[in-house]
Amino acid sequence: EAIAGVGLTGTAVDEADEQLRMIVVRDHRVYVRVTDSHLIVL
């Protein structure tokens, strides 16, 4: 919820697709795709 409200956040996972990101939550990696309208948890 918190990251859905901010700009492009997290660590880039794919140099060819800057919208594909990874966020660390505790000892887990959450893979997301960030668009202008959505945060898609992959």
All heavy atoms as atom14 arrays in JSON, in Angstrom:
{
  "sequence": "EAIAGVGLTGTAVDEADEQLRMIVVRDHRVYVRVTDSHLIVL",
  "atom14_mask": [
    [1, 1, 1, 1, 1, 1, 1, 1, 1, 0, 0, 0, 0, 0],
    [1, 1, 1, 1, 1, 0, 0, 0, 0, 0, 0, 0, 0, 0],
    [1, 1, 1, 1, 1, 1, 1, 1, 0, 0, 0, 0, 0, 0],
    [1, 1, 1, 1, 1, 0, 0, 0, 0, 0, 0, 0, 0, 0],
    [1, 1, 1, 1, 0, 0, 0, 0, 0, 0, 0, 0, 0, 0],
    [1, 1, 1, 1, 1, 1, 1, 0, 0, 0, 0, 0, 0, 0],
    [1, 1, 1, 1, 0, 0, 0, 0, 0, 0, 0, 0, 0, 0],
    [1, 1, 1, 1, 1, 1, 1, 1, 0, 0, 0, 0, 0, 0],
    [1, 1, 1, 1, 1, 1, 1, 0, 0, 0, 0, 0, 0, 0],
    [1, 1, 1, 1, 0, 0, 0, 0, 0, 0, 0, 0, 0, 0],
    [1, 1, 1, 1, 1, 1, 1, 0, 0, 0, 0, 0, 0, 0],
    [1, 1, 1, 1, 1, 0, 0, 0, 0, 0, 0, 0, 0, 0],
    [1, 1, 1, 1, 1, 1, 1, 0, 0, 0, 0, 0, 0, 0],
    [1, 1, 1, 1, 1, 1, 1, 1, 0, 0, 0, 0, 0, 0],
    [1, 1, 1, 1, 1, 1, 1, 1, 1, 0, 0, 0, 0, 0],
    [1, 1, 1, 1, 1, 0, 0, 0, 0, 0, 0, 0, 0, 0],
    [1, 1, 1, 1, 1, 1, 1, 1, 0, 0, 0, 0, 0, 0],
    [1, 1, 1, 1, 1, 1, 1, 1, 1, 0, 0, 0, 0, 0],
    [1, 1, 1, 1, 1, 1, 1, 1, 1, 0, 0, 0, 0, 0],
    [1, 1, 1, 1, 1, 1, 1, 1, 0, 0, 0, 0, 0, 0],
    [1, 1, 1, 1, 1, 1, 1, 1, 1, 1, 1, 0, 0, 0],
    [1, 1, 1, 1, 1, 1, 1, 1, 0, 0, 0, 0, 0, 0],
    [1, 1, 1, 1, 1, 1, 1, 1, 0, 0, 0, 0, 0, 0],
    [1, 1, 1, 1, 1, 1, 1, 0, 0, 0, 0, 0, 0, 0],
    [1, 1, 1, 1, 1, 1, 1, 0, 0, 0, 0, 0, 0, 0],
    [1, 1, 1, 1, 1, 1, 1, 1, 1, 1, 1, 0, 0, 0],
    [1, 1, 1, 1, 1, 1, 1, 1, 0, 0, 0, 0, 0, 0],
    [1, 1, 1, 1, 1, 1, 1, 1, 1, 1, 0, 0, 0, 0],
    [1, 1, 1, 1, 1, 1, 1, 1, 1, 1, 1, 0, 0, 0],
    [1, 1, 1, 1, 1, 1, 1, 0, 0, 0, 0, 0, 0, 0],
    [1, 1, 1, 1, 1, 1, 1, 1, 1, 1, 1, 1, 0, 0],
    [1, 1, 1, 1, 1, 1, 1, 0, 0, 0, 0, 0, 0, 0],
    [1, 1, 1, 1, 1, 1, 1, 1, 1, 1, 1, 0, 0, 0],
    [1, 1, 1, 1, 1, 1, 1, 0, 0, 0, 0, 0, 0, 0],
    [1, 1, 1, 1, 1, 1, 1, 0, 0, 0, 0, 0, 0, 0],
    [1, 1, 1, 1, 1, 1, 1, 1, 0, 0, 0, 0, 0, 0],
    [1, 1, 1, 1, 1, 1, 0, 0, 0, 0, 0, 0, 0, 0],
    [1, 1, 1, 1, 1, 1, 1, 1, 1, 1, 0, 0, 0, 0],
    [1, 1, 1, 1, 1, 1, 1, 1, 0, 0, 0, 0, 0, 0],
    [1, 1, 1, 1, 1, 1, 1, 1, 0, 0, 0, 0, 0, 0],
    [1, 1, 1, 1, 1, 1, 1, 0, 0, 0, 0, 0, 0, 0],
    [1, 1, 1, 1, 1, 1, 1, 1, 0, 0, 0, 0, 0, 0]
  ],
  "atom14_positions": [
    [[0.84, -1.21, 0.0], [0.0, 0.0, 0.0], [0.87, 1.26, 0.0], [0.6, 2.21, -0.73], [-0.92, 0.01, 1.23], [-2.06, -0.96, 1.17], [-3.24, -0.43, 0.38], [-3.4, 0.8, 0.26], [-3.99, -1.27, -0.14], [0.0, 0.0, 0.0], [0.0, 0.0, 0.0], [0.0, 0.0, 0.0], [0.0, 0.0, 0.0], [0.0, 0.0, 0.0]],
    [[1.92, 1.24, 0.82], [2.78, 2.42, 0.93], [3.52, 2.71, -0.37], [3.6, 3.87, -0.8], [3.77, 2.24, 2.08], [0.0, 0.0, 0.0], [0.0, 0.0, 0.0], [0.0, 0.0, 0.0], [0.0, 0.0, 0.0], [0.0, 0.0, 0.0], [0.0, 0.0, 0.0], [0.0, 0.0, 0.0], [0.0, 0.0, 0.0], [0.0, 0.0, 0.0]],
    [[4.05, 1.68, -1.01], [4.81, 1.94, -2.22], [3.92, 2.27, -3.41], [4.38, 2.88, -4.37], [5.78, 0.78, -2.56], [5.04, -0.51, -2.84], [6.81, 0.61, -1.47], [5.93, -1.63, -3.3], [0.0, 0.0, 0.0], [0.0, 0.0, 0.0], [0.0, 0.0, 0.0], [0.0, 0.0, 0.0], [0.0, 0.0, 0.0], [0.0, 0.0, 0.0]],
    [[2.65, 1.9, -3.35], [1.73, 2.25, -4.44], [1.55, 3.77, -4.54], [1.22, 4.28, -5.61], [0.38, 1.58, -4.24], [0.0, 0.0, 0.0], [0.0, 0.0, 0.0], [0.0, 0.0, 0.0], [0.0, 0.0, 0.0], [0.0, 0.0, 0.0], [0.0, 0.0, 0.0], [0.0, 0.0, 0.0], [0.0, 0.0, 0.0], [0.0, 0.0, 0.0]],
    [[1.8, 4.48, -3.46], [1.6, 5.92, -3.44], [2.82, 6.75, -3.77], [2.74, 7.97, -3.82], [0.0, 0.0, 0.0], [0.0, 0.0, 0.0], [0.0, 0.0, 0.0], [0.0, 0.0, 0.0], [0.0, 0.0, 0.0], [0.0, 0.0, 0.0], [0.0, 0.0, 0.0], [0.0, 0.0, 0.0], [0.0, 0.0, 0.0], [0.0, 0.0, 0.0]],
    [[3.95, 6.11, -4.01], [5.17, 6.87, -4.3], [5.59, 6.66, -5.75], [5.01, 5.86, -6.47], [6.33, 6.47, -3.34], [5.96, 6.78, -1.91], [6.7, 5.02, -3.5], [0.0, 0.0, 0.0], [0.0, 0.0, 0.0], [0.0, 0.0, 0.0], [0.0, 0.0, 0.0], [0.0, 0.0, 0.0], [0.0, 0.0, 0.0], [0.0, 0.0, 0.0]],
    [[6.62, 7.38, -6.16], [7.13, 7.25, -7.52], [7.79, 5.9, -7.75], [7.58, 4.95, -7.0], [0.0, 0.0, 0.0], [0.0, 0.0, 0.0], [0.0, 0.0, 0.0], [0.0, 0.0, 0.0], [0.0, 0.0, 0.0], [0.0, 0.0, 0.0], [0.0, 0.0, 0.0], [0.0, 0.0, 0.0], [0.0, 0.0, 0.0], [0.0, 0.0, 0.0]],
    [[8.59, 5.82, -8.77], [9.29, 4.59, -9.1], [10.2, 4.24, -7.93], [11.1, 5.0, -7.59], [10.1, 4.79, -10.39], [10.51, 3.56, -11.15], [9.3, 2.71, -11.51], [11.27, 3.94, -12.4], [0.0, 0.0, 0.0], [0.0, 0.0, 0.0], [0.0, 0.0, 0.0], [0.0, 0.0, 0.0], [0.0, 0.0, 0.0], [0.0, 0.0, 0.0]],
    [[9.95, 3.12, -7.31], [10.65, 2.76, -6.09], [11.18, 1.34, -6.18], [10.82, 0.59, -7.07], [9.72, 2.91, -4.86], [10.47, 2.72, -3.68], [8.58, 1.93, -4.9], [0.0, 0.0, 0.0], [0.0, 0.0, 0.0], [0.0, 0.0, 0.0], [0.0, 0.0, 0.0], [0.0, 0.0, 0.0], [0.0, 0.0, 0.0], [0.0, 0.0, 0.0]],
    [[12.04, 0.98, -5.28], [12.6, -0.36, -5.27], [13.83, -0.45, -6.15], [14.29, 0.54, -6.72], [0.0, 0.0, 0.0], [0.0, 0.0, 0.0], [0.0, 0.0, 0.0], [0.0, 0.0, 0.0], [0.0, 0.0, 0.0], [0.0, 0.0, 0.0], [0.0, 0.0, 0.0], [0.0, 0.0, 0.0], [0.0, 0.0, 0.0], [0.0, 0.0, 0.0]],
    [[14.35, -1.63, -6.29], [15.55, -1.89, -7.07], [15.16, -2.39, -8.45], [14.32, -3.29, -8.56], [16.41, -2.96, -6.37], [16.71, -2.51, -5.04], [17.69, -3.23, -7.12], [0.0, 0.0, 0.0], [0.0, 0.0, 0.0], [0.0, 0.0, 0.0], [0.0, 0.0, 0.0], [0.0, 0.0, 0.0], [0.0, 0.0, 0.0], [0.0, 0.0, 0.0]],
    [[15.75, -1.82, -9.48], [15.48, -2.29, -10.84], [15.95, -3.74, -10.97], [17.03, -4.09, -10.5], [16.18, -1.4, -11.85], [0.0, 0.0, 0.0], [0.0, 0.0, 0.0], [0.0, 0.0, 0.0], [0.0, 0.0, 0.0], [0.0, 0.0, 0.0], [0.0, 0.0, 0.0], [0.0, 0.0, 0.0], [0.0, 0.0, 0.0], [0.0, 0.0, 0.0]],
    [[15.15, -4.56, -11.6], [15.46, -5.97, -11.75], [15.93, -6.28, -13.17], [16.75, -7.15, -13.38], [14.21, -6.83, -11.42], [14.45, -8.29, -11.7], [13.8, -6.64, -9.97], [0.0, 0.0, 0.0], [0.0, 0.0, 0.0], [0.0, 0.0, 0.0], [0.0, 0.0, 0.0], [0.0, 0.0, 0.0], [0.0, 0.0, 0.0], [0.0, 0.0, 0.0]],
    [[15.43, -5.53, -14.12], [15.71, -5.78, -15.53], [16.1, -4.47, -16.19], [15.3, -3.53, -16.24], [14.47, -6.38, -16.18], [14.65, -6.78, -17.62], [15.68, -6.42, -18.23], [13.77, -7.47, -18.16], [0.0, 0.0, 0.0], [0.0, 0.0, 0.0], [0.0, 0.0, 0.0], [0.0, 0.0, 0.0], [0.0, 0.0, 0.0], [0.0, 0.0, 0.0]],
    [[17.33, -4.39, -16.7], [17.8, -3.16, -17.34], [16.93, -2.78, -18.54], [16.81, -1.6, -18.86], [19.25, -3.31, -17.78], [20.22, -3.39, -16.62], [21.65, -3.59, -17.07], [21.93, -3.47, -18.28], [22.49, -3.88, -16.21], [0.0, 0.0, 0.0], [0.0, 0.0, 0.0], [0.0, 0.0, 0.0], [0.0, 0.0, 0.0], [0.0, 0.0, 0.0]],
    [[16.35, -3.75, -19.2], [15.53, -3.48, -20.38], [14.13, -2.99, -20.02], [13.43, -2.45, -20.87], [15.43, -4.74, -21.24], [0.0, 0.0, 0.0], [0.0, 0.0, 0.0], [0.0, 0.0, 0.0], [0.0, 0.0, 0.0], [0.0, 0.0, 0.0], [0.0, 0.0, 0.0], [0.0, 0.0, 0.0], [0.0, 0.0, 0.0], [0.0, 0.0, 0.0]],
    [[13.72, -3.16, -18.78], [12.37, -2.76, -18.35], [12.46, -2.12, -16.98], [12.41, -2.79, -15.97], [11.45, -3.98, -18.32], [10.01, -3.63, -17.95], [9.71, -2.44, -17.7], [9.19, -4.55, -17.89], [0.0, 0.0, 0.0], [0.0, 0.0, 0.0], [0.0, 0.0, 0.0], [0.0, 0.0, 0.0], [0.0, 0.0, 0.0], [0.0, 0.0, 0.0]],
    [[12.6, -0.81, -16.96], [12.77, -0.09, -15.7], [11.56, -0.2, -14.78], [11.66, 0.0, -13.58], [13.09, 1.38, -15.95], [13.27, 2.12, -14.66], [14.25, 3.26, -14.74], [15.23, 3.15, -15.47], [13.99, 4.24, -14.05], [0.0, 0.0, 0.0], [0.0, 0.0, 0.0], [0.0, 0.0, 0.0], [0.0, 0.0, 0.0], [0.0, 0.0, 0.0]],
    [[10.41, -0.56, -15.32], [9.2, -0.67, -14.5], [9.18, -1.94, -13.66], [8.4, -2.05, -12.73], [7.95, -0.61, -15.38], [7.75, 0.74, -16.02], [6.53, 0.76, -16.9], [6.17, -0.24, -17.51], [5.88, 1.9, -16.97], [0.0, 0.0, 0.0], [0.0, 0.0, 0.0], [0.0, 0.0, 0.0], [0.0, 0.0, 0.0], [0.0, 0.0, 0.0]],
    [[10.02, -2.9, -13.98], [10.1, -4.14, -13.2], [11.04, -3.9, -12.03], [12.22, -3.62, -12.19], [10.61, -5.29, -14.08], [10.67, -6.66, -13.43], [9.31, -7.09, -12.91], [11.19, -7.68, -14.44], [0.0, 0.0, 0.0], [0.0, 0.0, 0.0], [0.0, 0.0, 0.0], [0.0, 0.0, 0.0], [0.0, 0.0, 0.0], [0.0, 0.0, 0.0]],
    [[10.49, -3.97, -10.81], [11.22, -3.61, -9.6], [11.13, -4.7, -8.55], [10.27, -5.57, -8.6], [10.65, -2.32, -9.0], [10.36, -1.19, -9.97], [11.57, -0.66, -10.64], [12.28, 0.25, -9.77], [13.34, 0.95, -10.13], [13.82, 0.85, -11.33], [13.94, 1.74, -9.29], [0.0, 0.0, 0.0], [0.0, 0.0, 0.0], [0.0, 0.0, 0.0]],
    [[12.01, -4.61, -7.56], [12.02, -5.54, -6.44], [12.1, -4.72, -5.15], [12.89, -3.81, -5.04], [13.23, -6.48, -6.55], [13.22, -7.6, -5.53], [14.3, -7.37, -4.1], [15.82, -6.84, -4.77], [0.0, 0.0, 0.0], [0.0, 0.0, 0.0], [0.0, 0.0, 0.0], [0.0, 0.0, 0.0], [0.0, 0.0, 0.0], [0.0, 0.0, 0.0]],
    [[11.23, -5.06, -4.22], [11.2, -4.4, -2.92], [11.42, -5.46, -1.85], [10.82, -6.54, -1.91], [9.84, -3.7, -2.68], [9.65, -2.55, -3.67], [9.72, -3.17, -1.28], [8.75, -2.88, -4.78], [0.0, 0.0, 0.0], [0.0, 0.0, 0.0], [0.0, 0.0, 0.0], [0.0, 0.0, 0.0], [0.0, 0.0, 0.0], [0.0, 0.0, 0.0]],
    [[12.27, -5.17, -0.9], [12.54, -6.11, 0.19], [11.55, -5.85, 1.33], [11.4, -4.72, 1.78], [13.99, -5.98, 0.68], [14.23, -6.89, 1.88], [14.96, -6.3, -0.45], [0.0, 0.0, 0.0], [0.0, 0.0, 0.0], [0.0, 0.0, 0.0], [0.0, 0.0, 0.0], [0.0, 0.0, 0.0], [0.0, 0.0, 0.0], [0.0, 0.0, 0.0]],
    [[10.9, -6.91, 1.77], [10.0, -6.86, 2.92], [10.43, -7.99, 3.84], [10.27, -9.16, 3.51], [8.52, -7.03, 2.51], [7.63, -7.03, 3.74], [8.1, -5.95, 1.52], [0.0, 0.0, 0.0], [0.0, 0.0, 0.0], [0.0, 0.0, 0.0], [0.0, 0.0, 0.0], [0.0, 0.0, 0.0], [0.0, 0.0, 0.0], [0.0, 0.0, 0.0]],
    [[11.01, -7.59, 4.97], [11.6, -8.55, 5.9], [12.62, -9.4, 5.14], [13.5, -8.89, 4.51], [10.52, -9.39, 6.58], [9.57, -8.63, 7.44], [10.07, -8.6, 8.88], [9.28, -7.75, 9.71], [8.61, -8.19, 10.76], [8.62, -9.46, 11.1], [7.93, -7.35, 11.5], [0.0, 0.0, 0.0], [0.0, 0.0, 0.0], [0.0, 0.0, 0.0]],
    [[12.45, -10.71, 5.14], [13.4, -11.57, 4.42], [12.8, -12.11, 3.11], [13.11, -13.2, 2.67], [13.91, -12.7, 5.3], [12.8, -13.47, 5.97], [11.62, -13.12, 5.78], [13.09, -14.44, 6.68], [0.0, 0.0, 0.0], [0.0, 0.0, 0.0], [0.0, 0.0, 0.0], [0.0, 0.0, 0.0], [0.0, 0.0, 0.0], [0.0, 0.0, 0.0]],
    [[11.93, -11.31, 2.51], [11.3, -11.66, 1.24], [11.54, -10.57, 0.2], [11.7, -9.4, 0.54], [9.79, -11.85, 1.41], [9.45, -13.06, 2.2], [9.5, -13.1, 3.58], [9.07, -14.3, 1.81], [9.16, -14.3, 4.0], [8.89, -15.04, 2.95], [0.0, 0.0, 0.0], [0.0, 0.0, 0.0], [0.0, 0.0, 0.0], [0.0, 0.0, 0.0]],
    [[11.54, -10.99, -1.04], [11.62, -10.05, -2.16], [10.26, -10.01, -2.83], [9.72, -11.04, -3.2], [12.67, -10.52, -3.16], [14.06, -10.52, -2.57], [15.03, -11.09, -3.57], [16.38, -11.03, -3.0], [17.3, -11.93, -3.24], [17.05, -12.94, -4.03], [18.48, -11.81, -2.7], [0.0, 0.0, 0.0], [0.0, 0.0, 0.0], [0.0, 0.0, 0.0]],
    [[9.73, -8.81, -2.96], [8.43, -8.63, -3.61], [8.72, -8.04, -4.99], [9.3, -6.95, -5.1], [7.52, -7.68, -2.79], [6.19, -7.49, -3.49], [7.33, -8.21, -1.37], [0.0, 0.0, 0.0], [0.0, 0.0, 0.0], [0.0, 0.0, 0.0], [0.0, 0.0, 0.0], [0.0, 0.0, 0.0], [0.0, 0.0, 0.0], [0.0, 0.0, 0.0]],
    [[8.34, -8.76, -6.04], [8.58, -8.33, -7.41], [7.33, -7.62, -7.91], [6.22, -8.16, -7.82], [8.93, -9.52, -8.3], [10.25, -10.13, -7.92], [10.31, -11.2, -7.04], [11.45, -9.6, -8.39], [11.53, -11.75, -6.66], [12.67, -10.14, -8.02], [12.69, -11.21, -7.15], [13.91, -11.73, -6.78], [0.0, 0.0, 0.0], [0.0, 0.0, 0.0]],
    [[7.52, -6.41, -8.4], [6.39, -5.6, -8.85], [6.7, -4.98, -10.21], [7.86, -4.85, -10.6], [6.05, -4.48, -7.85], [5.67, -5.05, -6.49], [7.17, -3.48, -7.71], [0.0, 0.0, 0.0], [0.0, 0.0, 0.0], [0.0, 0.0, 0.0], [0.0, 0.0, 0.0], [0.0, 0.0, 0.0], [0.0, 0.0, 0.0], [0.0, 0.0, 0.0]],
    [[5.65, -4.59, -10.87], [5.76, -3.78, -12.08], [5.03, -2.49, -11.78], [3.87, -2.51, -11.34], [5.13, -4.49, -13.26], [5.3, -3.69, -14.53], [5.17, -4.58, -15.76], [5.42, -3.76, -16.9], [4.54, -2.91, -17.4], [3.35, -2.8, -16.87], [4.85, -2.16, -18.44], [0.0, 0.0, 0.0], [0.0, 0.0, 0.0], [0.0, 0.0, 0.0]],
    [[5.71, -1.38, -11.97], [5.16, -0.07, -11.65], [4.77, 0.63, -12.95], [5.6, 0.82, -13.83], [6.19, 0.79, -10.88], [5.59, 2.14, -10.52], [6.67, 0.07, -9.63], [0.0, 0.0, 0.0], [0.0, 0.0, 0.0], [0.0, 0.0, 0.0], [0.0, 0.0, 0.0], [0.0, 0.0, 0.0], [0.0, 0.0, 0.0], [0.0, 0.0, 0.0]],
    [[3.48, 0.99, -13.06], [3.02, 1.77, -14.2], [2.48, 3.09, -13.66], [2.43, 3.3, -12.44], [1.91, 1.04, -14.99], [0.72, 0.99, -14.18], [2.33, -0.37, -15.37], [0.0, 0.0, 0.0], [0.0, 0.0, 0.0], [0.0, 0.0, 0.0], [0.0, 0.0, 0.0], [0.0, 0.0, 0.0], [0.0, 0.0, 0.0], [0.0, 0.0, 0.0]],
    [[2.06, 3.96, -14.56], [1.48, 5.23, -14.11], [0.21, 5.02, -13.29], [-0.08, 5.77, -12.38], [1.17, 6.14, -15.31], [2.43, 6.66, -15.96], [3.48, 6.69, -15.29], [2.35, 7.05, -17.15], [0.0, 0.0, 0.0], [0.0, 0.0, 0.0], [0.0, 0.0, 0.0], [0.0, 0.0, 0.0], [0.0, 0.0, 0.0], [0.0, 0.0, 0.0]],
    [[-0.54, 3.97, -13.62], [-1.83, 3.77, -12.96], [-1.86, 2.65, -11.93], [-2.74, 2.64, -11.08], [-2.9, 3.5, -14.02], [-2.59, 2.32, -14.74], [0.0, 0.0, 0.0], [0.0, 0.0, 0.0], [0.0, 0.0, 0.0], [0.0, 0.0, 0.0], [0.0, 0.0, 0.0], [0.0, 0.0, 0.0], [0.0, 0.0, 0.0], [0.0, 0.0, 0.0]],
    [[-0.91, 1.68, -12.01], [-0.98, 0.53, -11.12], [0.38, 0.08, -10.6], [1.4, 0.3, -11.23], [-1.62, -0.67, -11.85], [-3.07, -0.55, -12.02], [-3.63, 0.08, -13.11], [-4.09, -0.97, -11.25], [-4.94, 0.05, -12.99], [-5.25, -0.58, -11.88], [0.0, 0.0, 0.0], [0.0, 0.0, 0.0], [0.0, 0.0, 0.0], [0.0, 0.0, 0.0]],
    [[0.32, -0.56, -9.46], [1.44, -1.32, -8.93], [0.98, -2.77, -9.03], [-0.01, -3.16, -8.4], [1.72, -0.97, -7.46], [2.83, -1.79, -6.84], [4.18, -1.18, -7.21], [2.68, -1.86, -5.35], [0.0, 0.0, 0.0], [0.0, 0.0, 0.0], [0.0, 0.0, 0.0], [0.0, 0.0, 0.0], [0.0, 0.0, 0.0], [0.0, 0.0, 0.0]],
    [[1.65, -3.54, -9.88], [1.25, -4.92, -10.12], [2.22, -5.82, -9.39], [3.42, -5.82, -9.68], [1.24, -5.23, -11.63], [0.34, -4.24, -12.36], [0.79, -6.67, -11.87], [0.68, -4.05, -13.81], [0.0, 0.0, 0.0], [0.0, 0.0, 0.0], [0.0, 0.0, 0.0], [0.0, 0.0, 0.0], [0.0, 0.0, 0.0], [0.0, 0.0, 0.0]],
    [[1.74, -6.55, -8.41], [2.59, -7.47, -7.64], [2.66, -8.77, -8.44], [1.65, -9.43, -8.67], [2.03, -7.72, -6.23], [2.96, -8.62, -5.44], [1.81, -6.4, -5.5], [0.0, 0.0, 0.0], [0.0, 0.0, 0.0], [0.0, 0.0, 0.0], [0.0, 0.0, 0.0], [0.0, 0.0, 0.0], [0.0, 0.0, 0.0], [0.0, 0.0, 0.0]],
    [[3.88, -9.1, -8.89], [4.09, -10.26, -9.74], [4.39, -11.53, -8.96], [4.02, -12.63, -9.36], [5.23, -10.0, -10.72], [5.03, -8.8, -11.64], [6.3, -8.52, -12.4], [3.86, -9.06, -12.57], [0.0, 0.0, 0.0], [0.0, 0.0, 0.0], [0.0, 0.0, 0.0], [0.0, 0.0, 0.0], [0.0, 0.0, 0.0], [0.0, 0.0, 0.0]]
  ]
}
